[in-house]
Amino acid sequence: MDVTCTTLEEVRQHIDHIDREVVALLASRGKLVTQAAAFKKTRQDVRAPSRVEQVIDKVRALAHETGASPDVVEQVYRAMISAFIDDELKTHAALAHA
């Protein structure tokens, strides 16, 4: 979405709209991460460092394609993945004790 805003308030309104969409997408991603925990046998399977690097490579390429900063996208994804891994480890532990 390329929008040309004429005021700071208009910029903020568009950012707020995007934030709502991003949070909804994070919720969807989180539900899938929770499901993934059931398929993983060990904590190392949850951490899956090679999978993390695959995702980073993929999103950096997507950043290039869409005109986003690959460095910013990578930093955001690394933070997001780390948070999801922490959450998935809790789910994995709960499933192991169920």
PDB file of N, CA and C in Angstrom:
ATOM      1  N   MET A   1       0.852  -1.174   0.000  1.00  0.00           N
ATOM      2  CA  MET A   1       0.000   0.000   0.000  1.00  0.00           C
ATOM      3  C   MET A   1       0.893   1.230   0.000  1.00  0.00           C
ATOM      4  N   ASP A   2       0.925   1.927  -1.075  1.00  0.00           N
ATOM      5  CA  ASP A   2       1.660   3.179  -1.147  1.00  0.00           C
ATOM      6  C   ASP A   2       0.676   4.323  -0.959  1.00  0.00           C
ATOM      7  N   VAL A   3       0.852   5.058   0.122  1.00  0.00           N
ATOM      8  CA  VAL A   3      -0.043   6.151   0.456  1.00  0.00           C
ATOM      9  C   VAL A   3       0.792   7.406   0.634  1.00  0.00           C
ATOM     10  N   THR A   4       0.321   8.499   0.117  1.00  0.00           N
ATOM     11  CA  THR A   4       0.963   9.781   0.356  1.00  0.00           C
ATOM     12  C   THR A   4       0.098  10.548   1.342  1.00  0.00           C
ATOM     13  N   CYS A   5       0.644  10.780   2.512  1.00  0.00           N
ATOM     14  CA  CYS A   5      -0.099  11.468   3.568  1.00  0.00           C
ATOM     15  C   CYS A   5       0.250  12.952   3.550  1.00  0.00           C
ATOM     16  N   THR A   6      -0.696  13.742   4.001  1.00  0.00           N
ATOM     17  CA  THR A   6      -0.471  15.188   4.031  1.00  0.00           C
ATOM     18  C   THR A   6      -0.334  15.736   5.444  1.00  0.00           C
ATOM     19  N   THR A   7      -0.576  14.880   6.456  1.00  0.00           N
ATOM     20  CA  THR A   7      -0.418  15.319   7.846  1.00  0.00           C
ATOM     21  C   THR A   7       0.164  14.184   8.673  1.00  0.00           C
ATOM     22  N   LEU A   8       0.748  14.532   9.791  1.00  0.00           N
ATOM     23  CA  LEU A   8       1.264  13.537  10.719  1.00  0.00           C
ATOM     24  C   LEU A   8       0.126  12.664  11.243  1.00  0.00           C
ATOM     25  N   GLU A   9      -1.014  13.267  11.503  1.00  0.00           N
ATOM     26  CA  GLU A   9      -2.168  12.504  11.994  1.00  0.00           C
ATOM     27  C   GLU A   9      -2.586  11.436  10.976  1.00  0.00           C
ATOM     28  N   GLU A  10      -2.561  11.789   9.716  1.00  0.00           N
ATOM     29  CA  GLU A  10      -2.904  10.826   8.667  1.00  0.00           C
ATOM     30  C   GLU A  10      -1.884   9.682   8.631  1.00  0.00           C
ATOM     31  N   VAL A  11      -0.616   9.996   8.775  1.00  0.00           N
ATOM     32  CA  VAL A  11       0.432   8.968   8.843  1.00  0.00           C
ATOM     33  C   VAL A  11       0.137   8.028  10.001  1.00  0.00           C
ATOM     34  N   ARG A  12      -0.169   8.610  11.153  1.00  0.00           N
ATOM     35  CA  ARG A  12      -0.434   7.795  12.350  1.00  0.00           C
ATOM     36  C   ARG A  12      -1.661   6.917  12.176  1.00  0.00           C
ATOM     37  N   GLN A  13      -2.689   7.422  11.522  1.00  0.00           N
ATOM     38  CA  GLN A  13      -3.885   6.616  11.283  1.00  0.00           C
ATOM     39  C   GLN A  13      -3.559   5.404  10.405  1.00  0.00           C
ATOM     40  N   HIS A  14      -2.756   5.621   9.386  1.00  0.00           N
ATOM     41  CA  HIS A  14      -2.366   4.509   8.509  1.00  0.00           C
ATOM     42  C   HIS A  14      -1.495   3.504   9.269  1.00  0.00           C
ATOM     43  N   ILE A  15      -0.594   3.997  10.095  1.00  0.00           N
ATOM     44  CA  ILE A  15       0.240   3.102  10.911  1.00  0.00           C
ATOM     45  C   ILE A  15      -0.629   2.298  11.868  1.00  0.00           C
ATOM     46  N   ASP A  16      -1.610   2.943  12.508  1.00  0.00           N
ATOM     47  CA  ASP A  16      -2.517   2.233  13.423  1.00  0.00           C
ATOM     48  C   ASP A  16      -3.270   1.118  12.692  1.00  0.00           C
ATOM     49  N   HIS A  17      -3.704   1.397  11.482  1.00  0.00           N
ATOM     50  CA  HIS A  17      -4.414   0.388  10.679  1.00  0.00           C
ATOM     51  C   HIS A  17      -3.477  -0.797  10.381  1.00  0.00           C
ATOM     52  N   ILE A  18      -2.265  -0.502   9.970  1.00  0.00           N
ATOM     53  CA  ILE A  18      -1.282  -1.558   9.686  1.00  0.00           C
ATOM     54  C   ILE A  18      -0.983  -2.352  10.949  1.00  0.00           C
ATOM     55  N   ASP A  19      -0.852  -1.665  12.093  1.00  0.00           N
ATOM     56  CA  ASP A  19      -0.586  -2.365  13.357  1.00  0.00           C
ATOM     57  C   ASP A  19      -1.688  -3.366  13.687  1.00  0.00           C
ATOM     58  N   ARG A  20      -2.944  -2.990  13.444  1.00  0.00           N
ATOM     59  CA  ARG A  20      -4.053  -3.932  13.688  1.00  0.00           C
ATOM     60  C   ARG A  20      -3.902  -5.174  12.811  1.00  0.00           C
ATOM     61  N   GLU A  21      -3.530  -4.965  11.552  1.00  0.00           N
ATOM     62  CA  GLU A  21      -3.342  -6.096  10.644  1.00  0.00           C
ATOM     63  C   GLU A  21      -2.161  -6.961  11.073  1.00  0.00           C
ATOM     64  N   VAL A  22      -1.068  -6.335  11.473  1.00  0.00           N
ATOM     65  CA  VAL A  22       0.120  -7.078  11.898  1.00  0.00           C
ATOM     66  C   VAL A  22      -0.196  -7.922  13.133  1.00  0.00           C
ATOM     67  N   VAL A  23      -0.893  -7.337  14.104  1.00  0.00           N
ATOM     68  CA  VAL A  23      -1.228  -8.084  15.324  1.00  0.00           C
ATOM     69  C   VAL A  23      -2.146  -9.263  14.998  1.00  0.00           C
ATOM     70  N   ALA A  24      -3.087  -9.073  14.103  1.00  0.00           N
ATOM     71  CA  ALA A  24      -3.960 -10.184  13.702  1.00  0.00           C
ATOM     72  C   ALA A  24      -3.144 -11.291  13.035  1.00  0.00           C
ATOM     73  N   LEU A  25      -2.186 -10.919  12.209  1.00  0.00           N
ATOM     74  CA  LEU A  25      -1.321 -11.914  11.568  1.00  0.00           C
ATOM     75  C   LEU A  25      -0.434 -12.615  12.594  1.00  0.00           C
ATOM     76  N   LEU A  26       0.042 -11.877  13.584  1.00  0.00           N
ATOM     77  CA  LEU A  26       0.845 -12.506  14.647  1.00  0.00           C
ATOM     78  C   LEU A  26       0.009 -13.521  15.427  1.00  0.00           C
ATOM     79  N   ALA A  27      -1.243 -13.197  15.659  1.00  0.00           N
ATOM     80  CA  ALA A  27      -2.128 -14.144  16.351  1.00  0.00           C
ATOM     81  C   ALA A  27      -2.281 -15.418  15.527  1.00  0.00           C
ATOM     82  N   SER A  28      -2.470 -15.276  14.225  1.00  0.00           N
ATOM     83  CA  SER A  28      -2.593 -16.448  13.347  1.00  0.00           C
ATOM     84  C   SER A  28      -1.307 -17.256  13.343  1.00  0.00           C
ATOM     85  N   ARG A  29      -0.179 -16.576  13.273  1.00  0.00           N
ATOM     86  CA  ARG A  29       1.116 -17.267  13.270  1.00  0.00           C
ATOM     87  C   ARG A  29       1.321 -17.999  14.597  1.00  0.00           C
ATOM     88  N   GLY A  30       0.949 -17.341  15.684  1.00  0.00           N
ATOM     89  CA  GLY A  30       1.100 -17.939  17.010  1.00  0.00           C
ATOM     90  C   GLY A  30       0.284 -19.215  17.174  1.00  0.00           C
ATOM     91  N   LYS A  31      -0.910 -19.239  16.616  1.00  0.00           N
ATOM     92  CA  LYS A  31      -1.741 -20.445  16.695  1.00  0.00           C
ATOM     93  C   LYS A  31      -1.078 -21.603  15.955  1.00  0.00           C
ATOM     94  N   LEU A  32      -0.448 -21.308  14.836  1.00  0.00           N
ATOM     95  CA  LEU A  32       0.261 -22.355  14.090  1.00  0.00           C
ATOM     96  C   LEU A  32       1.503 -22.825  14.836  1.00  0.00           C
ATOM     97  N   VAL A  33       2.204 -21.901  15.459  1.00  0.00           N
ATOM     98  CA  VAL A  33       3.383 -22.264  16.258  1.00  0.00           C
ATOM     99  C   VAL A  33       2.971 -23.195  17.392  1.00  0.00           C
ATOM    100  N   THR A  34       1.858 -22.901  18.037  1.00  0.00           N
ATOM    101  CA  THR A  34       1.363 -23.756  19.115  1.00  0.00           C
ATOM    102  C   THR A  34       1.060 -25.156  18.593  1.00  0.00           C
ATOM    103  N   GLN A  35       0.470 -25.251  17.409  1.00  0.00           N
ATOM    104  CA  GLN A  35       0.205 -26.562  16.814  1.00  0.00           C
ATOM    105  C   GLN A  35       1.508 -27.298  16.513  1.00  0.00           C
ATOM    106  N   ALA A  36       2.510 -26.560  16.065  1.00  0.00           N
ATOM    107  CA  ALA A  36       3.790 -27.180  15.710  1.00  0.00           C
ATOM    108  C   ALA A  36       4.434 -27.860  16.905  1.00  0.00           C
ATOM    109  N   ALA A  37       4.225 -27.333  18.086  1.00  0.00           N
ATOM    110  CA  ALA A  37       4.834 -27.904  19.292  1.00  0.00           C
ATOM    111  C   ALA A  37       4.469 -29.378  19.462  1.00  0.00           C
ATOM    112  N   ALA A  38       3.272 -29.750  19.056  1.00  0.00           N
ATOM    113  CA  ALA A  38       2.820 -31.134  19.210  1.00  0.00           C
ATOM    114  C   ALA A  38       3.587 -32.095  18.305  1.00  0.00           C
ATOM    115  N   PHE A  39       4.198 -31.586  17.262  1.00  0.00           N
ATOM    116  CA  PHE A  39       4.909 -32.439  16.315  1.00  0.00           C
ATOM    117  C   PHE A  39       6.397 -32.560  16.628  1.00  0.00           C
ATOM    118  N   LYS A  40       6.857 -31.844  17.629  1.00  0.00           N
ATOM    119  CA  LYS A  40       8.290 -31.807  17.926  1.00  0.00           C
ATOM    120  C   LYS A  40       8.584 -32.641  19.162  1.00  0.00           C
ATOM    121  N   LYS A  41       9.615 -33.464  19.047  1.00  0.00           N
ATOM    122  CA  LYS A  41       9.916 -34.416  20.115  1.00  0.00           C
ATOM    123  C   LYS A  41      10.798 -33.831  21.222  1.00  0.00           C
ATOM    124  N   THR A  42      11.703 -32.919  20.885  1.00  0.00           N
ATOM    125  CA  THR A  42      12.656 -32.401  21.865  1.00  0.00           C
ATOM    126  C   THR A  42      12.661 -30.873  21.871  1.00  0.00           C
ATOM    127  N   ARG A  43      13.272 -30.325  22.933  1.00  0.00           N
ATOM    128  CA  ARG A  43      13.440 -28.870  23.003  1.00  0.00           C
ATOM    129  C   ARG A  43      14.282 -28.366  21.832  1.00  0.00           C
ATOM    130  N   GLN A  44      15.259 -29.162  21.402  1.00  0.00           N
ATOM    131  CA  GLN A  44      16.091 -28.762  20.266  1.00  0.00           C
ATOM    132  C   GLN A  44      15.256 -28.702  18.983  1.00  0.00           C
ATOM    133  N   ASP A  45      14.291 -29.612  18.860  1.00  0.00           N
ATOM    134  CA  ASP A  45      13.375 -29.563  17.716  1.00  0.00           C
ATOM    135  C   ASP A  45      12.583 -28.255  17.724  1.00  0.00           C
ATOM    136  N   VAL A  46      12.224 -27.786  18.921  1.00  0.00           N
ATOM    137  CA  VAL A  46      11.492 -26.523  19.034  1.00  0.00           C
ATOM    138  C   VAL A  46      12.395 -25.369  18.612  1.00  0.00           C
ATOM    139  N   ARG A  47      13.633 -25.387  19.074  1.00  0.00           N
ATOM    140  CA  ARG A  47      14.557 -24.287  18.748  1.00  0.00           C
ATOM    141  C   ARG A  47      14.911 -24.273  17.261  1.00  0.00           C
ATOM    142  N   ALA A  48      15.089 -25.420  16.655  1.00  0.00           N
ATOM    143  CA  ALA A  48      15.303 -25.606  15.213  1.00  0.00           C
ATOM    144  C   ALA A  48      16.135 -24.497  14.559  1.00  0.00           C
ATOM    145  N   PRO A  49      17.408 -24.359  14.950  1.00  0.00           N
ATOM    146  CA  PRO A  49      18.215 -23.252  14.423  1.00  0.00           C
ATOM    147  C   PRO A  49      18.335 -23.239  12.899  1.00  0.00           C
ATOM    148  N   SER A  50      18.374 -24.404  12.274  1.00  0.00           N
ATOM    149  CA  SER A  50      18.471 -24.404  10.807  1.00  0.00           C
ATOM    150  C   SER A  50      17.182 -23.872  10.180  1.00  0.00           C
ATOM    151  N   ARG A  51      16.044 -24.186  10.788  1.00  0.00           N
ATOM    152  CA  ARG A  51      14.758 -23.663  10.294  1.00  0.00           C
ATOM    153  C   ARG A  51      14.700 -22.145  10.483  1.00  0.00           C
ATOM    154  N   VAL A  52      15.208 -21.668  11.606  1.00  0.00           N
ATOM    155  CA  VAL A  52      15.232 -20.217  11.838  1.00  0.00           C
ATOM    156  C   VAL A  52      15.994 -19.532  10.706  1.00  0.00           C
ATOM    157  N   GLU A  53      17.150 -20.081  10.349  1.00  0.00           N
ATOM    158  CA  GLU A  53      17.957 -19.461   9.294  1.00  0.00           C
ATOM    159  C   GLU A  53      17.266 -19.543   7.933  1.00  0.00           C
ATOM    160  N   GLN A  54      16.518 -20.625   7.694  1.00  0.00           N
ATOM    161  CA  GLN A  54      15.733 -20.718   6.455  1.00  0.00           C
ATOM    162  C   GLN A  54      14.704 -19.591   6.394  1.00  0.00           C
ATOM    163  N   VAL A  55      14.018 -19.372   7.513  1.00  0.00           N
ATOM    164  CA  VAL A  55      13.009 -18.318   7.567  1.00  0.00           C
ATOM    165  C   VAL A  55      13.663 -16.953   7.360  1.00  0.00           C
ATOM    166  N   ILE A  56      14.808 -16.728   8.010  1.00  0.00           N
ATOM    167  CA  ILE A  56      15.496 -15.443   7.861  1.00  0.00           C
ATOM    168  C   ILE A  56      15.899 -15.215   6.409  1.00  0.00           C
ATOM    169  N   ASP A  57      16.450 -16.236   5.776  1.00  0.00           N
ATOM    170  CA  ASP A  57      16.825 -16.100   4.364  1.00  0.00           C
ATOM    171  C   ASP A  57      15.602 -15.762   3.507  1.00  0.00           C
ATOM    172  N   LYS A  58      14.490 -16.439   3.793  1.00  0.00           N
ATOM    173  CA  LYS A  58      13.259 -16.221   3.024  1.00  0.00           C
ATOM    174  C   LYS A  58      12.745 -14.799   3.205  1.00  0.00           C
ATOM    175  N   VAL A  59      12.700 -14.314   4.452  1.00  0.00           N
ATOM    176  CA  VAL A  59      12.133 -12.981   4.668  1.00  0.00           C
ATOM    177  C   VAL A  59      13.067 -11.871   4.191  1.00  0.00           C
ATOM    178  N   ARG A  60      14.375 -12.118   4.216  1.00  0.00           N
ATOM    179  CA  ARG A  60      15.293 -11.125   3.642  1.00  0.00           C
ATOM    180  C   ARG A  60      15.056 -11.014   2.132  1.00  0.00           C
ATOM    181  N   ALA A  61      14.838 -12.149   1.476  1.00  0.00           N
ATOM    182  CA  ALA A  61      14.540 -12.125   0.043  1.00  0.00           C
ATOM    183  C   ALA A  61      13.217 -11.404  -0.215  1.00  0.00           C
ATOM    184  N   LEU A  62      12.216 -11.672   0.611  1.00  0.00           N
ATOM    185  CA  LEU A  62      10.933 -10.981   0.476  1.00  0.00           C
ATOM    186  C   LEU A  62      11.099  -9.479   0.682  1.00  0.00           C
ATOM    187  N   ALA A  63      11.961  -9.103   1.612  1.00  0.00           N
ATOM    188  CA  ALA A  63      12.220  -7.684   1.853  1.00  0.00           C
ATOM    189  C   ALA A  63      12.789  -7.025   0.600  1.00  0.00           C
ATOM    190  N   HIS A  64      13.742  -7.703  -0.005  1.00  0.00           N
ATOM    191  CA  HIS A  64      14.311  -7.172  -1.245  1.00  0.00           C
ATOM    192  C   HIS A  64      13.228  -6.999  -2.310  1.00  0.00           C
ATOM    193  N   GLU A  65      12.360  -7.998  -2.437  1.00  0.00           N
ATOM    194  CA  GLU A  65      11.304  -7.961  -3.462  1.00  0.00           C
ATOM    195  C   GLU A  65      10.308  -6.827  -3.224  1.00  0.00           C
ATOM    196  N   THR A  66      10.038  -6.521  -1.960  1.00  0.00           N
ATOM    197  CA  THR A  66       8.982  -5.561  -1.633  1.00  0.00           C
ATOM    198  C   THR A  66       9.490  -4.164  -1.328  1.00  0.00           C
ATOM    199  N   GLY A  67      10.805  -3.992  -1.308  1.00  0.00           N
ATOM    200  CA  GLY A  67      11.362  -2.673  -1.033  1.00  0.00           C
ATOM    201  C   GLY A  67      11.528  -2.369   0.441  1.00  0.00           C
ATOM    202  N   ALA A  68      11.377  -3.383   1.288  1.00  0.00           N
ATOM    203  CA  ALA A  68      11.609  -3.200   2.726  1.00  0.00           C
ATOM    204  C   ALA A  68      13.103  -3.315   3.010  1.00  0.00           C
ATOM    205  N   SER A  69      13.516  -2.813   4.152  1.00  0.00           N
ATOM    206  CA  SER A  69      14.911  -2.945   4.553  1.00  0.00           C
ATOM    207  C   SER A  69      15.162  -4.384   5.003  1.00  0.00           C
ATOM    208  N   PRO A  70      16.026  -5.127   4.318  1.00  0.00           N
ATOM    209  CA  PRO A  70      16.310  -6.500   4.747  1.00  0.00           C
ATOM    210  C   PRO A  70      16.844  -6.569   6.177  1.00  0.00           C
ATOM    211  N   ASP A  71      17.638  -5.584   6.583  1.00  0.00           N
ATOM    212  CA  ASP A  71      18.180  -5.593   7.943  1.00  0.00           C
ATOM    213  C   ASP A  71      17.093  -5.402   8.991  1.00  0.00           C
ATOM    214  N   VAL A  72      16.164  -4.484   8.728  1.00  0.00           N
ATOM    215  CA  VAL A  72      15.060  -4.261   9.666  1.00  0.00           C
ATOM    216  C   VAL A  72      14.180  -5.504   9.724  1.00  0.00           C
ATOM    217  N   VAL A  73      13.856  -6.054   8.563  1.00  0.00           N
ATOM    218  CA  VAL A  73      13.013  -7.251   8.519  1.00  0.00           C
ATOM    219  C   VAL A  73      13.688  -8.389   9.293  1.00  0.00           C
ATOM    220  N   GLU A  74      14.980  -8.581   9.090  1.00  0.00           N
ATOM    221  CA  GLU A  74      15.683  -9.638   9.815  1.00  0.00           C
ATOM    222  C   GLU A  74      15.631  -9.405  11.319  1.00  0.00           C
ATOM    223  N   GLN A  75      15.885  -8.190  11.762  1.00  0.00           N
ATOM    224  CA  GLN A  75      15.849  -7.908  13.200  1.00  0.00           C
ATOM    225  C   GLN A  75      14.471  -8.171  13.789  1.00  0.00           C
ATOM    226  N   VAL A  76      13.431  -7.744  13.079  1.00  0.00           N
ATOM    227  CA  VAL A  76      12.064  -7.956  13.554  1.00  0.00           C
ATOM    228  C   VAL A  76      11.764  -9.451  13.625  1.00  0.00           C
ATOM    229  N   TYR A  77      12.140 -10.172  12.585  1.00  0.00           N
ATOM    230  CA  TYR A  77      11.859 -11.606  12.554  1.00  0.00           C
ATOM    231  C   TYR A  77      12.650 -12.358  13.620  1.00  0.00           C
ATOM    232  N   ARG A  78      13.889 -11.991  13.829  1.00  0.00           N
ATOM    233  CA  ARG A  78      14.666 -12.676  14.876  1.00  0.00           C
ATOM    234  C   ARG A  78      14.026 -12.453  16.249  1.00  0.00           C
ATOM    235  N   ALA A  79      13.574 -11.240  16.521  1.00  0.00           N
ATOM    236  CA  ALA A  79      12.905 -10.963  17.794  1.00  0.00           C
ATOM    237  C   ALA A  79      11.593 -11.741  17.894  1.00  0.00           C
ATOM    238  N   MET A  80      10.826 -11.738  16.802  1.00  0.00           N
ATOM    239  CA  MET A  80       9.546 -12.443  16.796  1.00  0.00           C
ATOM    240  C   MET A  80       9.745 -13.946  16.974  1.00  0.00           C
ATOM    241  N   ILE A  81      10.675 -14.503  16.227  1.00  0.00           N
ATOM    242  CA  ILE A  81      10.934 -15.940  16.316  1.00  0.00           C
ATOM    243  C   ILE A  81      11.383 -16.312  17.721  1.00  0.00           C
ATOM    244  N   SER A  82      12.242 -15.513  18.317  1.00  0.00           N
ATOM    245  CA  SER A  82      12.701 -15.780  19.678  1.00  0.00           C
ATOM    246  C   SER A  82      11.523 -15.810  20.654  1.00  0.00           C
ATOM    247  N   ALA A  83      10.621 -14.843  20.528  1.00  0.00           N
ATOM    248  CA  ALA A  83       9.451 -14.805  21.402  1.00  0.00           C
ATOM    249  C   ALA A  83       8.545 -16.013  21.164  1.00  0.00           C
ATOM    250  N   PHE A  84       8.343 -16.379  19.903  1.00  0.00           N
ATOM    251  CA  PHE A  84       7.519 -17.545  19.605  1.00  0.00           C
ATOM    252  C   PHE A  84       8.178 -18.834  20.096  1.00  0.00           C
ATOM    253  N   ILE A  85       9.494 -18.938  20.002  1.00  0.00           N
ATOM    254  CA  ILE A  85      10.190 -20.123  20.509  1.00  0.00           C
ATOM    255  C   ILE A  85       9.992 -20.235  22.015  1.00  0.00           C
ATOM    256  N   ASP A  86      10.124 -19.126  22.729  1.00  0.00           N
ATOM    257  CA  ASP A  86       9.898 -19.148  24.182  1.00  0.00           C
ATOM    258  C   ASP A  86       8.498 -19.652  24.502  1.00  0.00           C
ATOM    259  N   ASP A  87       7.514 -19.159  23.756  1.00  0.00           N
ATOM    260  CA  ASP A  87       6.133 -19.582  23.971  1.00  0.00           C
ATOM    261  C   ASP A  87       5.938 -21.045  23.597  1.00  0.00           C
ATOM    262  N   GLU A  88       6.549 -21.442  22.486  1.00  0.00           N
ATOM    263  CA  GLU A  88       6.422 -22.831  22.038  1.00  0.00           C
ATOM    264  C   GLU A  88       7.085 -23.793  23.015  1.00  0.00           C
ATOM    265  N   LEU A  89       8.189 -23.382  23.623  1.00  0.00           N
ATOM    266  CA  LEU A  89       8.846 -24.229  24.629  1.00  0.00           C
ATOM    267  C   LEU A  89       7.918 -24.479  25.816  1.00  0.00           C
ATOM    268  N   LYS A  90       7.164 -23.468  26.214  1.00  0.00           N
ATOM    269  CA  LYS A  90       6.197 -23.635  27.309  1.00  0.00           C
ATOM    270  C   LYS A  90       5.108 -24.629  26.898  1.00  0.00           C
ATOM    271  N   THR A  91       4.605 -24.473  25.684  1.00  0.00           N
ATOM    272  CA  THR A  91       3.575 -25.389  25.191  1.00  0.00           C
ATOM    273  C   THR A  91       4.127 -26.808  25.093  1.00  0.00           C
ATOM    274  N   HIS A  92       5.357 -26.921  24.562  1.00  0.00           N
ATOM    275  CA  HIS A  92       6.001 -28.233  24.406  1.00  0.00           C
ATOM    276  C   HIS A  92       6.153 -28.895  25.777  1.00  0.00           C
ATOM    277  N   ALA A  93       6.586 -28.138  26.766  1.00  0.00           N
ATOM    278  CA  ALA A  93       6.772 -28.689  28.121  1.00  0.00           C
ATOM    279  C   ALA A  93       5.444 -29.142  28.691  1.00  0.00           C
ATOM    280  N   ALA A  94       4.405 -28.364  28.484  1.00  0.00           N
ATOM    281  CA  ALA A  94       3.069 -28.733  28.995  1.00  0.00           C
ATOM    282  C   ALA A  94       2.569 -29.999  28.318  1.00  0.00           C
ATOM    283  N   LEU A  95       2.803 -30.137  27.043  1.00  0.00           N
ATOM    284  CA  LEU A  95       2.386 -31.357  26.330  1.00  0.00           C
ATOM    285  C   LEU A  95       3.159 -32.570  26.822  1.00  0.00           C
ATOM    286  N   ALA A  96       4.432 -32.383  27.139  1.00  0.00           N
ATOM    287  CA  ALA A  96       5.268 -33.492  27.614  1.00  0.00           C
ATOM    288  C   ALA A  96       4.815 -33.990  28.983  1.00  0.00           C
ATOM    289  N   HIS A  97       4.213 -33.093  29.766  1.00  0.00           N
ATOM    290  CA  HIS A  97       3.771 -33.459  31.103  1.00  0.00           C
ATOM    291  C   HIS A  97       2.286 -33.838  31.139  1.00  0.00           C
ATOM    292  N   ALA A  98       1.653 -33.810  29.995  1.00  0.00           N
ATOM    293  CA  ALA A  98       0.207 -34.119  29.959  1.00  0.00           C
ATOM    294  C   ALA A  98      -0.036 -35.608  29.934  1.00  0.00           C
TER     295      ALA A  98
END
